Every structure is written in structure tokens, then in C-alpha cells.
Amino acid sequence: MIKTTVMSLAILAGVAAVAHAQSNVAALPPGAAPAPRVAPVGPSPQYVGPSPGQGWYAKEQESEARMQPSPEWVGPKAGQGWYAKEQQSNAVAPSPAYVGPRPN
């Protein structure tokens, strides 16, 4: 609790110091050199790239005839593979009595 309070106060003091330093930058003494003049920003030249939405886009075309299915698949037919027969080897034993906490 004390550690959290000390850290919070330290952060608050740091924020206050930074705010005070920033406000003092604008209050320079009267004999200080004025800020240099900044040239006004003129209009931008015309964009050199393509106009928005008018780029080159590749056209999608079919290069060959549509794909034809093979006349005869050499492998097994769908759903006609070899599947092991699942048989139960041991009789199913009932679950033991519930050993957890008592229900409410």
C-alpha cells in the first residue's frame, strides 16, 4: 500500500514538473532572440501517380478450357475404403460412486 502511494506521488510530481517546464518555455526573457520565421506553405504540385481508382488492373481470363474430371480414378471409390471393425473387447463397467464434494 505504501509502495503504491509513493509511486503515485512520484508520477504526479513528474507530471507537474513537466507541465511547469513547458509553460516556462513560452515565457522567455524580453531580450531573447525571436523565433525564426517559417516560410509559408505553398500549394502542393499535382500528384505524379495515377489518379485514384484509375490504376492498371490485370484482367482475369481463362487461359484453357475448363478442367474435366478424369474418366476413371485409380484409387478407391469414395466411402469404399477399408475400415477396421470396431468391437468392444471388455465389458463396460459402471462408474464408481461419486467421490467428489457433496452436492448441495
N, C-alpha and C. Protein backbone atom coordinates (compact mmCIF):
# COMPACT_ATOMS: atom_id res chain seq x y z
N MET A 1 0.83 -1.18 0.00
CA MET A 1 0.00 0.00 0.00
C MET A 1 0.88 1.25 0.00
N ILE A 2 1.92 1.26 0.82
CA ILE A 2 2.81 2.42 0.91
C ILE A 2 3.59 2.57 -0.40
N LYS A 3 4.02 1.45 -0.96
CA LYS A 3 4.77 1.48 -2.21
C LYS A 3 3.93 2.08 -3.34
N THR A 4 2.66 1.71 -3.41
CA THR A 4 1.76 2.23 -4.44
C THR A 4 1.55 3.73 -4.25
N THR A 5 1.40 4.17 -3.02
CA THR A 5 1.19 5.58 -2.74
C THR A 5 2.43 6.39 -3.12
N VAL A 6 3.61 5.89 -2.78
CA VAL A 6 4.85 6.59 -3.13
C VAL A 6 5.01 6.68 -4.64
N MET A 7 4.73 5.60 -5.35
CA MET A 7 4.85 5.61 -6.81
C MET A 7 3.86 6.59 -7.43
N SER A 8 2.63 6.63 -6.92
CA SER A 8 1.63 7.55 -7.45
C SER A 8 2.05 9.00 -7.23
N LEU A 9 2.58 9.30 -6.05
CA LEU A 9 3.04 10.66 -5.77
C LEU A 9 4.24 11.03 -6.65
N ALA A 10 5.12 10.08 -6.92
CA ALA A 10 6.27 10.35 -7.78
C ALA A 10 5.82 10.65 -9.21
N ILE A 11 4.88 9.91 -9.70
CA ILE A 11 4.36 10.15 -11.06
C ILE A 11 3.66 11.51 -11.11
N LEU A 12 2.89 11.82 -10.10
CA LEU A 12 2.19 13.10 -10.05
C LEU A 12 3.19 14.26 -10.01
N ALA A 13 4.28 14.12 -9.23
CA ALA A 13 5.30 15.16 -9.17
C ALA A 13 6.01 15.31 -10.51
N GLY A 14 6.25 14.20 -11.20
CA GLY A 14 6.89 14.25 -12.52
C GLY A 14 6.02 14.95 -13.54
N VAL A 15 4.73 14.67 -13.52
CA VAL A 15 3.80 15.32 -14.46
C VAL A 15 3.74 16.81 -14.18
N ALA A 16 3.72 17.19 -12.90
CA ALA A 16 3.68 18.60 -12.54
C ALA A 16 4.96 19.31 -12.98
N ALA A 17 6.12 18.66 -12.82
CA ALA A 17 7.38 19.27 -13.24
C ALA A 17 7.44 19.47 -14.74
N VAL A 18 6.95 18.51 -15.50
CA VAL A 18 6.95 18.63 -16.96
C VAL A 18 6.01 19.74 -17.39
N ALA A 19 4.83 19.84 -16.79
CA ALA A 19 3.89 20.89 -17.15
C ALA A 19 4.47 22.26 -16.82
N HIS A 20 5.16 22.40 -15.69
CA HIS A 20 5.76 23.68 -15.30
C HIS A 20 6.88 24.06 -16.28
N ALA A 21 7.70 23.07 -16.69
CA ALA A 21 8.79 23.36 -17.61
C ALA A 21 8.26 23.79 -18.96
N GLN A 22 7.18 23.17 -19.44
CA GLN A 22 6.62 23.55 -20.73
C GLN A 22 6.01 24.94 -20.69
N SER A 23 5.42 25.33 -19.57
CA SER A 23 4.82 26.65 -19.51
C SER A 23 5.90 27.73 -19.42
N ASN A 24 7.08 27.40 -18.88
CA ASN A 24 8.15 28.38 -18.78
C ASN A 24 8.88 28.59 -20.09
N VAL A 25 8.80 27.67 -21.03
CA VAL A 25 9.47 27.83 -22.32
C VAL A 25 8.88 29.01 -23.06
N ALA A 26 7.59 29.20 -22.99
CA ALA A 26 6.93 30.29 -23.70
C ALA A 26 7.23 31.64 -23.06
N ALA A 27 7.59 31.67 -21.81
CA ALA A 27 7.85 32.93 -21.11
C ALA A 27 9.34 33.23 -21.13
N LEU A 28 9.91 33.48 -22.29
CA LEU A 28 11.33 33.81 -22.41
C LEU A 28 11.55 35.26 -21.98
N PRO A 29 12.75 35.60 -21.57
CA PRO A 29 13.02 36.99 -21.19
C PRO A 29 12.85 37.93 -22.38
N PRO A 30 12.60 39.24 -22.11
CA PRO A 30 12.33 40.18 -23.20
C PRO A 30 13.49 40.33 -24.18
N GLY A 31 14.73 40.13 -23.80
CA GLY A 31 15.85 40.33 -24.71
C GLY A 31 16.20 39.09 -25.51
N ALA A 32 15.46 38.06 -25.39
CA ALA A 32 15.79 36.81 -26.08
C ALA A 32 15.53 36.96 -27.57
N ALA A 33 16.24 36.18 -28.36
CA ALA A 33 16.09 36.22 -29.81
C ALA A 33 14.70 35.71 -30.19
N PRO A 34 14.06 36.39 -31.15
CA PRO A 34 12.74 35.90 -31.56
C PRO A 34 12.86 34.59 -32.32
N ALA A 35 11.79 33.88 -32.37
CA ALA A 35 11.76 32.60 -33.10
C ALA A 35 11.94 32.88 -34.58
N PRO A 36 12.67 32.03 -35.28
CA PRO A 36 12.87 32.27 -36.72
C PRO A 36 11.54 32.18 -37.47
N ARG A 37 11.46 32.97 -38.53
CA ARG A 37 10.23 32.95 -39.34
C ARG A 37 10.19 31.68 -40.18
N VAL A 38 9.02 31.18 -40.31
CA VAL A 38 8.83 29.97 -41.09
C VAL A 38 8.19 30.37 -42.41
N ALA A 39 8.73 29.86 -43.49
CA ALA A 39 8.19 30.19 -44.81
C ALA A 39 6.77 29.63 -44.92
N PRO A 40 5.87 30.38 -45.55
CA PRO A 40 4.51 29.86 -45.70
C PRO A 40 4.50 28.64 -46.62
N VAL A 41 3.58 27.78 -46.37
CA VAL A 41 3.47 26.55 -47.16
C VAL A 41 2.64 26.84 -48.39
N GLY A 42 3.22 26.59 -49.55
CA GLY A 42 2.51 26.84 -50.80
C GLY A 42 1.69 25.63 -51.20
N PRO A 43 0.93 25.75 -52.28
CA PRO A 43 0.13 24.61 -52.73
C PRO A 43 1.04 23.47 -53.21
N SER A 44 0.60 22.29 -53.04
CA SER A 44 1.36 21.12 -53.45
C SER A 44 1.29 20.97 -54.96
N PRO A 45 2.37 20.45 -55.57
CA PRO A 45 2.28 20.19 -57.01
C PRO A 45 1.31 19.04 -57.26
N GLN A 46 0.90 18.91 -58.51
CA GLN A 46 -0.06 17.86 -58.83
C GLN A 46 0.57 16.50 -58.56
N TYR A 47 -0.26 15.60 -58.07
CA TYR A 47 0.20 14.24 -57.74
C TYR A 47 0.74 13.57 -58.99
N VAL A 48 1.91 12.95 -58.87
CA VAL A 48 2.58 12.38 -60.03
C VAL A 48 2.04 11.00 -60.38
N GLY A 49 1.45 10.30 -59.43
CA GLY A 49 1.00 8.94 -59.67
C GLY A 49 -0.33 8.88 -60.40
N PRO A 50 -0.90 7.68 -60.53
CA PRO A 50 -2.18 7.54 -61.21
C PRO A 50 -3.30 8.18 -60.40
N SER A 51 -4.33 8.57 -61.09
CA SER A 51 -5.50 9.13 -60.40
C SER A 51 -6.13 8.05 -59.54
N PRO A 52 -6.71 8.43 -58.41
CA PRO A 52 -7.32 7.41 -57.56
C PRO A 52 -8.39 6.62 -58.31
N GLY A 53 -8.28 5.31 -58.24
CA GLY A 53 -9.25 4.43 -58.87
C GLY A 53 -9.01 4.18 -60.34
N GLN A 54 -7.95 4.75 -60.91
CA GLN A 54 -7.69 4.57 -62.34
C GLN A 54 -6.33 3.91 -62.57
N GLY A 55 -6.04 2.89 -61.81
CA GLY A 55 -4.79 2.18 -61.99
C GLY A 55 -4.93 1.10 -63.05
N TRP A 56 -3.86 0.33 -63.25
CA TRP A 56 -3.91 -0.79 -64.18
C TRP A 56 -4.23 -2.04 -63.38
N TYR A 57 -5.22 -2.74 -63.80
CA TYR A 57 -5.62 -3.96 -63.11
C TYR A 57 -5.62 -5.10 -64.12
N ALA A 58 -4.98 -6.20 -63.75
CA ALA A 58 -4.91 -7.35 -64.65
C ALA A 58 -6.31 -7.92 -64.85
N LYS A 59 -6.61 -8.26 -66.06
CA LYS A 59 -7.90 -8.86 -66.36
C LYS A 59 -7.79 -10.37 -66.14
N GLU A 60 -8.77 -10.92 -65.47
CA GLU A 60 -8.76 -12.35 -65.22
C GLU A 60 -9.46 -13.05 -66.38
N GLN A 61 -8.70 -13.86 -67.07
CA GLN A 61 -9.24 -14.60 -68.21
C GLN A 61 -8.87 -16.06 -68.05
N GLU A 62 -9.75 -16.92 -68.55
CA GLU A 62 -9.43 -18.34 -68.55
C GLU A 62 -8.46 -18.61 -69.68
N SER A 63 -7.34 -19.24 -69.36
CA SER A 63 -6.33 -19.49 -70.37
C SER A 63 -6.57 -20.82 -71.09
N GLU A 64 -7.26 -21.72 -70.47
CA GLU A 64 -7.51 -23.02 -71.08
C GLU A 64 -8.98 -23.39 -70.90
N ALA A 65 -9.35 -24.47 -71.52
CA ALA A 65 -10.72 -24.95 -71.34
C ALA A 65 -10.91 -25.38 -69.89
N ARG A 66 -12.15 -25.41 -69.47
CA ARG A 66 -12.42 -25.80 -68.09
C ARG A 66 -11.88 -27.20 -67.81
N MET A 67 -11.54 -27.43 -66.60
CA MET A 67 -10.96 -28.70 -66.22
C MET A 67 -12.02 -29.80 -66.26
N GLN A 68 -11.66 -30.91 -66.85
CA GLN A 68 -12.57 -32.05 -66.97
C GLN A 68 -12.17 -33.09 -65.94
N PRO A 69 -13.12 -33.73 -65.30
CA PRO A 69 -12.75 -34.79 -64.36
C PRO A 69 -12.13 -35.98 -65.11
N SER A 70 -11.26 -36.70 -64.41
CA SER A 70 -10.62 -37.86 -65.01
C SER A 70 -11.69 -38.91 -65.34
N PRO A 71 -11.50 -39.66 -66.40
CA PRO A 71 -12.51 -40.66 -66.75
C PRO A 71 -12.63 -41.74 -65.68
N GLU A 72 -11.55 -42.15 -65.07
CA GLU A 72 -11.63 -43.19 -64.05
C GLU A 72 -10.52 -42.94 -63.03
N TRP A 73 -10.92 -42.78 -61.78
CA TRP A 73 -9.96 -42.60 -60.70
C TRP A 73 -9.37 -43.95 -60.36
N VAL A 74 -8.07 -44.02 -60.19
CA VAL A 74 -7.40 -45.28 -59.99
C VAL A 74 -7.52 -45.75 -58.54
N GLY A 75 -7.74 -44.84 -57.59
CA GLY A 75 -7.79 -45.20 -56.19
C GLY A 75 -9.16 -45.75 -55.79
N PRO A 76 -9.37 -45.92 -54.50
CA PRO A 76 -10.65 -46.47 -54.03
C PRO A 76 -11.78 -45.45 -54.24
N LYS A 77 -12.96 -45.95 -54.38
CA LYS A 77 -14.13 -45.09 -54.54
C LYS A 77 -14.39 -44.39 -53.20
N ALA A 78 -15.01 -43.27 -53.29
CA ALA A 78 -15.29 -42.52 -52.07
C ALA A 78 -16.20 -43.34 -51.16
N GLY A 79 -15.81 -43.49 -49.90
CA GLY A 79 -16.61 -44.23 -48.93
C GLY A 79 -16.45 -45.74 -49.02
N GLN A 80 -15.62 -46.22 -49.91
CA GLN A 80 -15.46 -47.66 -50.06
C GLN A 80 -14.07 -48.12 -49.66
N GLY A 81 -13.44 -47.41 -48.75
CA GLY A 81 -12.11 -47.80 -48.29
C GLY A 81 -12.19 -48.95 -47.30
N TRP A 82 -11.05 -49.38 -46.81
CA TRP A 82 -11.02 -50.44 -45.82
C TRP A 82 -11.03 -49.79 -44.46
N TYR A 83 -11.97 -50.17 -43.63
CA TYR A 83 -12.10 -49.63 -42.29
C TYR A 83 -12.10 -50.78 -41.31
N ALA A 84 -11.30 -50.65 -40.24
CA ALA A 84 -11.24 -51.69 -39.22
C ALA A 84 -12.58 -51.76 -38.49
N LYS A 85 -13.01 -52.96 -38.19
CA LYS A 85 -14.25 -53.13 -37.43
C LYS A 85 -13.96 -52.80 -35.98
N GLU A 86 -14.74 -51.91 -35.41
CA GLU A 86 -14.55 -51.56 -34.01
C GLU A 86 -15.43 -52.45 -33.16
N GLN A 87 -14.78 -53.26 -32.34
CA GLN A 87 -15.51 -54.15 -31.46
C GLN A 87 -15.04 -53.93 -30.04
N GLN A 88 -15.97 -54.03 -29.12
CA GLN A 88 -15.65 -53.83 -27.72
C GLN A 88 -14.96 -55.07 -27.19
N SER A 89 -13.79 -54.87 -26.57
CA SER A 89 -13.04 -56.04 -26.09
C SER A 89 -13.42 -56.41 -24.66
N ASN A 90 -13.73 -55.44 -23.81
CA ASN A 90 -14.09 -55.71 -22.42
C ASN A 90 -15.50 -55.19 -22.17
N ALA A 91 -16.15 -55.82 -21.22
CA ALA A 91 -17.47 -55.35 -20.86
C ALA A 91 -17.35 -53.98 -20.19
N VAL A 92 -18.35 -53.16 -20.37
CA VAL A 92 -18.33 -51.83 -19.79
C VAL A 92 -18.72 -51.93 -18.33
N ALA A 93 -17.83 -51.42 -17.46
CA ALA A 93 -18.10 -51.44 -16.03
C ALA A 93 -18.80 -50.13 -15.65
N PRO A 94 -19.75 -50.18 -14.73
CA PRO A 94 -20.40 -48.94 -14.33
C PRO A 94 -19.40 -48.04 -13.60
N SER A 95 -19.64 -46.75 -13.64
CA SER A 95 -18.76 -45.79 -12.99
C SER A 95 -18.79 -46.00 -11.49
N PRO A 96 -17.67 -45.75 -10.81
CA PRO A 96 -17.66 -45.89 -9.34
C PRO A 96 -18.52 -44.79 -8.72
N ALA A 97 -18.80 -44.96 -7.44
CA ALA A 97 -19.61 -43.96 -6.75
C ALA A 97 -18.90 -42.62 -6.82
N TYR A 98 -19.68 -41.55 -6.80
CA TYR A 98 -19.14 -40.20 -6.90
C TYR A 98 -18.26 -39.91 -5.69
N VAL A 99 -17.00 -39.51 -5.92
CA VAL A 99 -16.07 -39.31 -4.82
C VAL A 99 -15.78 -37.84 -4.56
N GLY A 100 -16.42 -36.95 -5.25
CA GLY A 100 -16.17 -35.51 -5.08
C GLY A 100 -16.89 -34.93 -3.89
N PRO A 101 -16.93 -33.62 -3.78
CA PRO A 101 -17.63 -32.98 -2.67
C PRO A 101 -19.12 -33.25 -2.73
N ARG A 102 -19.75 -33.21 -1.58
CA ARG A 102 -21.17 -33.47 -1.54
C ARG A 102 -21.95 -32.38 -2.27
N PRO A 103 -22.91 -32.73 -3.08
CA PRO A 103 -23.72 -31.69 -3.72
C PRO A 103 -24.61 -31.00 -2.67
N ASN A 104 -24.99 -29.79 -2.95
CA ASN A 104 -25.83 -29.00 -2.02
C ASN A 104 -27.25 -29.54 -2.02
